[in-house]
Amino acid sequence: MLTLPDIDYGSRVRAGLLVPSGNSVAEPEIRAMLPRQVSMLVTRLALRGSSKPELMRMLDRLEAASELLADAGVDVIVFHCTAVSTFAPELAGGIRDRIQSASGIRCFTTADAILAGLTNLGAKRVSLLTPYIDEVHAREIAFLEANGLQVGRGANLGINTNSEMAGLSPEAILDWAKSAIDPRADACLISCTAIKSAPVIAELERVSGIPVLTSNQSMVWHLMRSNGIDSDVAAYGRLFSTDQPVKSVEPMPIAVDR
């Protein structure tokens, strides 16, 4: 009897991801966390740095990229960039509307996933750690506060490009996060899809005593829970062990300087 290779084509959920073109970290981390029968198909949108014009240019070809993912018959589309989805919270609904209009497929953003994760953990005070330059870090603080969260002590590294962010080792991220995290917070958010933060989640939770969320981990958790998949990915934090049902959380609009 012929035995065929067991290839996982995503028989339960096939997710279409829109990721920054310069990001080399998100796909390996997401693949490590996804359970069997959940797959991802990826399309890129141009983004390498963190300047305001470049972040906004990532949205220029949003419809075309969404249509390409629709051609593959994905079940859900994820706009997976933290800096853009938290840059202009009043446009988050617009991003979802544009994707759904172009593709006919439901979608969510990284920001939606982060808010849902923090909500399900019952977090009110967040310690925010990012690799970003000051202005991007400040916008993310404003985004979290606009959505009813308090931002406690945190830190940012002042890094501008995806390639520089990818150059940070997990060990370097862990050492930095240990010194920067606020243990009085309800949760720590290590923001950015382009840094190798997934391997440090469990150890940072152990030493800090609080839940740790990352952008890639939050997205995978929200993808799984919003599609009725409750596999416990124990190596990647307490978030996967929460029993609460997923709540749909959409960013509140705030004013953004143009």
Protein backbone atom coordinates (compact mmCIF):
# COMPACT_ATOMS: atom_id res chain seq x y z
CA MET A 1 0.00 0.00 0.00
CA LEU A 2 1.33 3.38 -1.01
CA THR A 3 1.97 5.78 1.86
CA LEU A 4 1.80 9.42 0.81
CA PRO A 5 3.57 12.26 2.64
CA ASP A 6 1.37 13.93 5.24
CA ILE A 7 1.29 17.54 4.08
CA ASP A 8 -0.75 20.02 6.10
CA TYR A 9 -2.72 22.13 3.62
CA GLY A 10 -4.87 23.86 6.25
CA SER A 11 -8.03 21.76 6.24
CA ARG A 12 -9.62 23.77 9.07
CA VAL A 13 -8.46 27.32 8.39
CA ARG A 14 -6.36 28.94 5.70
CA ALA A 15 -5.33 32.44 6.71
CA GLY A 16 -4.14 35.06 4.24
CA LEU A 17 -1.55 37.40 5.70
CA LEU A 18 -0.56 40.86 4.51
CA VAL A 19 2.90 41.54 5.96
CA PRO A 20 5.55 44.26 5.52
CA SER A 21 7.91 43.51 2.65
CA GLY A 22 11.01 43.86 4.84
CA ASN A 23 9.77 41.47 7.54
CA SER A 24 11.70 38.17 7.71
CA VAL A 25 10.59 37.19 11.24
CA ALA A 26 6.78 36.99 11.27
CA GLU A 27 6.40 33.92 9.07
CA PRO A 28 8.81 31.61 10.98
CA GLU A 29 7.30 32.63 14.33
CA ILE A 30 3.72 32.23 13.17
CA ARG A 31 4.47 28.88 11.57
CA ALA A 32 5.96 27.65 14.85
CA MET A 33 2.79 28.56 16.76
CA LEU A 34 0.09 27.42 14.33
CA PRO A 35 -1.49 24.05 15.16
CA ARG A 36 -2.08 21.34 12.59
CA GLN A 37 -4.80 22.00 10.03
CA VAL A 38 -4.27 25.77 10.18
CA SER A 39 -2.12 27.23 7.41
CA MET A 40 -1.06 30.66 6.21
CA LEU A 41 -0.64 32.13 2.74
CA VAL A 42 1.34 35.36 2.62
CA THR A 43 1.36 38.45 0.41
CA ARG A 44 3.67 41.41 1.00
CA LEU A 45 3.07 45.15 1.04
CA ALA A 46 5.97 47.57 0.64
CA LEU A 47 7.40 48.60 4.03
CA ARG A 48 11.00 48.65 5.21
CA GLY A 49 11.29 51.57 7.62
CA SER A 50 9.31 53.44 10.26
CA SER A 51 8.96 56.95 8.88
CA LYS A 52 5.44 58.35 8.77
CA PRO A 53 5.23 58.51 4.93
CA GLU A 54 6.54 54.97 4.51
CA LEU A 55 4.15 53.52 7.09
CA MET A 56 1.20 55.08 5.31
CA ARG A 57 2.44 53.92 1.89
CA MET A 58 1.93 50.34 3.07
CA LEU A 59 -1.78 50.93 2.48
CA ASP A 60 -1.37 52.05 -1.15
CA ARG A 61 -1.82 48.59 -2.67
CA LEU A 62 -4.11 47.17 0.00
CA GLU A 63 -6.93 46.24 -2.37
CA ALA A 64 -4.68 44.62 -4.97
CA ALA A 65 -2.92 42.50 -2.34
CA SER A 66 -6.26 41.48 -0.80
CA GLU A 67 -7.54 40.38 -4.20
CA LEU A 68 -4.45 38.18 -4.66
CA LEU A 69 -5.16 36.42 -1.37
CA ALA A 70 -8.81 36.00 -2.35
CA ASP A 71 -7.63 34.19 -5.49
CA ALA A 72 -6.18 31.53 -3.17
CA GLY A 73 -9.52 31.02 -1.42
CA VAL A 74 -8.38 31.95 2.08
CA ASP A 75 -10.90 31.93 4.93
CA VAL A 76 -9.73 35.11 6.65
CA ILE A 77 -7.31 37.93 5.82
CA VAL A 78 -5.03 39.49 8.45
CA PHE A 79 -3.44 42.90 7.99
CA HIS A 80 -0.36 42.06 10.02
CA CYS A 81 1.65 45.16 10.86
CA THR A 82 1.56 46.62 14.36
CA ALA A 83 3.04 50.03 13.60
CA VAL A 84 0.55 50.74 10.80
CA SER A 85 -2.53 49.30 12.51
CA THR A 86 -1.79 51.37 15.64
CA PHE A 87 -0.53 54.40 13.72
CA ALA A 88 -3.97 55.63 12.73
CA PRO A 89 -6.64 53.97 14.87
CA GLU A 90 -9.40 55.97 13.22
CA LEU A 91 -8.49 54.21 9.96
CA ALA A 92 -8.52 50.68 11.39
CA GLY A 93 -12.15 50.20 10.42
CA GLY A 94 -11.29 51.63 7.01
CA ILE A 95 -8.52 49.06 6.56
CA ARG A 96 -10.95 46.24 7.34
CA ASP A 97 -13.63 47.75 5.07
CA ARG A 98 -11.18 48.11 2.18
CA ILE A 99 -9.95 44.53 2.51
CA GLN A 100 -13.44 43.07 2.81
CA SER A 101 -14.75 45.16 -0.08
CA ALA A 102 -11.89 44.11 -2.35
CA SER A 103 -11.86 40.44 -1.37
CA GLY A 104 -15.28 39.56 0.05
CA ILE A 105 -13.42 37.91 2.94
CA ARG A 106 -13.60 38.75 6.64
CA CYS A 107 -10.47 40.24 8.18
CA PHE A 108 -8.80 41.67 11.25
CA THR A 109 -5.63 43.62 12.01
CA THR A 110 -2.74 43.09 14.41
CA ALA A 111 -4.11 45.92 16.54
CA ASP A 112 -7.48 44.14 16.79
CA ALA A 113 -5.73 40.98 17.96
CA ILE A 114 -3.66 42.81 20.59
CA LEU A 115 -6.71 44.55 22.02
CA ALA A 116 -8.65 41.29 22.09
CA GLY A 117 -5.77 39.54 23.85
CA LEU A 118 -5.41 42.23 26.50
CA THR A 119 -9.17 42.24 27.04
CA ASN A 120 -9.32 38.48 27.49
CA LEU A 121 -6.50 38.65 30.03
CA GLY A 122 -8.39 41.37 31.90
CA ALA A 123 -5.38 43.70 31.58
CA LYS A 124 -5.88 47.37 32.42
CA ARG A 125 -2.27 48.52 32.92
CA VAL A 126 0.25 47.57 30.23
CA SER A 127 4.04 47.70 30.14
CA LEU A 128 4.87 48.51 26.51
CA LEU A 129 8.21 47.44 25.02
CA THR A 130 8.93 48.22 21.37
CA PRO A 131 11.93 48.32 19.05
CA TYR A 132 10.56 51.48 17.43
CA ILE A 133 11.83 55.02 17.02
CA ASP A 134 10.40 57.49 19.53
CA GLU A 135 7.53 58.81 17.41
CA VAL A 136 6.20 55.33 16.58
CA HIS A 137 6.49 54.24 20.21
CA ALA A 138 4.60 57.37 21.31
CA ARG A 139 1.81 56.70 18.82
CA GLU A 140 1.38 53.19 20.17
CA ILE A 141 1.10 54.54 23.71
CA ALA A 142 -1.59 56.96 22.48
CA PHE A 143 -3.37 54.10 20.73
CA LEU A 144 -3.48 51.93 23.85
CA GLU A 145 -4.60 54.83 26.04
CA ALA A 146 -7.31 55.77 23.54
CA ASN A 147 -8.64 52.25 23.97
CA GLY A 148 -8.97 52.56 27.74
CA LEU A 149 -5.64 51.10 28.83
CA GLN A 150 -3.03 52.60 31.15
CA VAL A 151 0.55 52.38 29.95
CA GLY A 152 3.05 51.90 32.76
CA ARG A 153 6.82 51.84 32.65
CA GLY A 154 8.19 50.56 29.35
CA ALA A 155 10.93 51.26 26.83
CA ASN A 156 11.82 51.47 23.14
CA LEU A 157 15.05 50.77 21.28
CA GLY A 158 14.98 53.49 18.61
CA ILE A 159 15.38 51.10 15.66
CA ASN A 160 14.08 52.23 12.28
CA THR A 161 14.20 49.36 9.76
CA ASN A 162 12.83 45.81 9.61
CA SER A 163 16.27 44.41 8.81
CA GLU A 164 17.79 46.00 11.93
CA MET A 165 14.90 44.70 14.02
CA ALA A 166 15.39 41.18 12.67
CA GLY A 167 19.05 41.38 13.67
CA LEU A 168 18.17 41.39 17.37
CA SER A 169 18.69 37.93 18.86
CA PRO A 170 16.07 36.45 21.21
CA GLU A 171 18.72 36.50 23.96
CA ALA A 172 19.28 40.24 23.46
CA ILE A 173 15.53 40.87 23.51
CA LEU A 174 15.14 38.85 26.71
CA ASP A 175 17.97 40.69 28.51
CA TRP A 176 16.54 44.06 27.47
CA ALA A 177 12.95 43.13 28.36
CA LYS A 178 13.92 41.85 31.81
CA SER A 179 15.41 45.23 32.68
CA ALA A 180 12.63 47.29 31.10
CA ILE A 181 9.41 45.48 32.04
CA ASP A 182 7.12 46.95 34.69
CA PRO A 183 6.18 44.04 37.03
CA ARG A 184 3.35 46.15 38.48
CA ALA A 185 1.53 46.05 35.15
CA ASP A 186 -1.24 43.57 34.41
CA ALA A 187 0.53 42.48 31.22
CA CYS A 188 3.57 43.24 29.11
CA LEU A 189 3.22 43.90 25.38
CA ILE A 190 6.36 43.38 23.30
CA SER A 191 5.17 45.08 20.14
CA CYS A 192 6.28 44.57 16.52
CA THR A 193 5.90 41.65 14.12
CA ALA A 194 9.52 41.96 12.95
CA ILE A 195 11.49 41.08 16.11
CA LYS A 196 12.33 37.59 17.40
CA SER A 197 10.24 37.86 20.55
CA ALA A 198 8.27 34.59 20.50
CA PRO A 199 11.08 32.49 22.04
CA VAL A 200 11.30 34.76 25.10
CA ILE A 201 7.62 34.79 26.10
CA ALA A 202 7.62 31.90 28.57
CA GLU A 203 10.88 32.87 30.28
CA LEU A 204 9.88 36.54 30.59
CA GLU A 205 6.55 35.49 32.09
CA ARG A 206 8.44 33.33 34.57
CA VAL A 207 10.80 36.07 35.75
CA SER A 208 8.26 38.92 35.71
CA GLY A 209 5.22 37.08 37.03
CA ILE A 210 2.87 38.73 34.52
CA PRO A 211 1.45 37.65 31.14
CA VAL A 212 3.48 38.61 28.08
CA LEU A 213 1.96 39.35 24.68
CA THR A 214 3.78 39.81 21.39
CA SER A 215 2.39 40.92 18.05
CA ASN A 216 2.84 37.58 16.29
CA GLN A 217 1.61 35.56 19.28
CA SER A 218 -1.49 37.77 19.70
CA MET A 219 -2.34 37.44 16.02
CA VAL A 220 -2.05 33.63 16.09
CA TRP A 221 -4.14 33.43 19.28
CA HIS A 222 -6.87 35.65 17.82
CA LEU A 223 -6.85 33.73 14.54
CA MET A 224 -7.28 30.44 16.37
CA ARG A 225 -9.87 31.52 18.92
CA SER A 226 -11.98 33.53 16.46
CA ASN A 227 -12.17 30.40 14.29
CA GLY A 228 -13.13 28.09 17.15
CA ILE A 229 -9.72 26.42 17.51
CA ASP A 230 -8.68 26.00 21.16
CA SER A 231 -5.32 24.23 20.87
CA ASP A 232 -3.08 25.20 23.79
CA VAL A 233 0.29 26.39 22.48
CA ALA A 234 1.84 26.16 25.93
CA ALA A 235 5.34 27.27 24.98
CA TYR A 236 4.11 30.69 23.89
CA GLY A 237 2.52 32.20 26.95
CA ARG A 238 -0.46 32.41 29.23
CA LEU A 239 -2.60 34.01 26.54
CA PHE A 240 -3.18 30.61 24.95
CA SER A 241 -4.44 29.27 28.28
CA THR A 242 -7.19 31.85 28.78
CA ASP A 243 -10.64 30.29 28.92
CA GLN A 244 -12.64 33.40 28.14
CA PRO A 245 -14.47 33.52 24.80
CA VAL A 246 -12.93 35.82 22.22
CA LYS A 247 -14.40 39.29 22.31
CA SER A 248 -14.45 41.44 19.20
CA VAL A 249 -12.55 44.60 20.07
CA GLU A 250 -12.23 47.39 17.54
CA PRO A 251 -9.87 50.33 18.06
CA MET A 252 -11.46 53.58 19.17
CA PRO A 253 -10.84 56.59 16.90
CA ILE A 254 -8.31 59.18 18.00
CA ALA A 255 -7.01 62.26 16.30
CA VAL A 256 -3.78 61.78 14.35
CA ASP A 257 -1.64 64.62 13.11
CA ARG A 258 -1.35 64.70 9.34
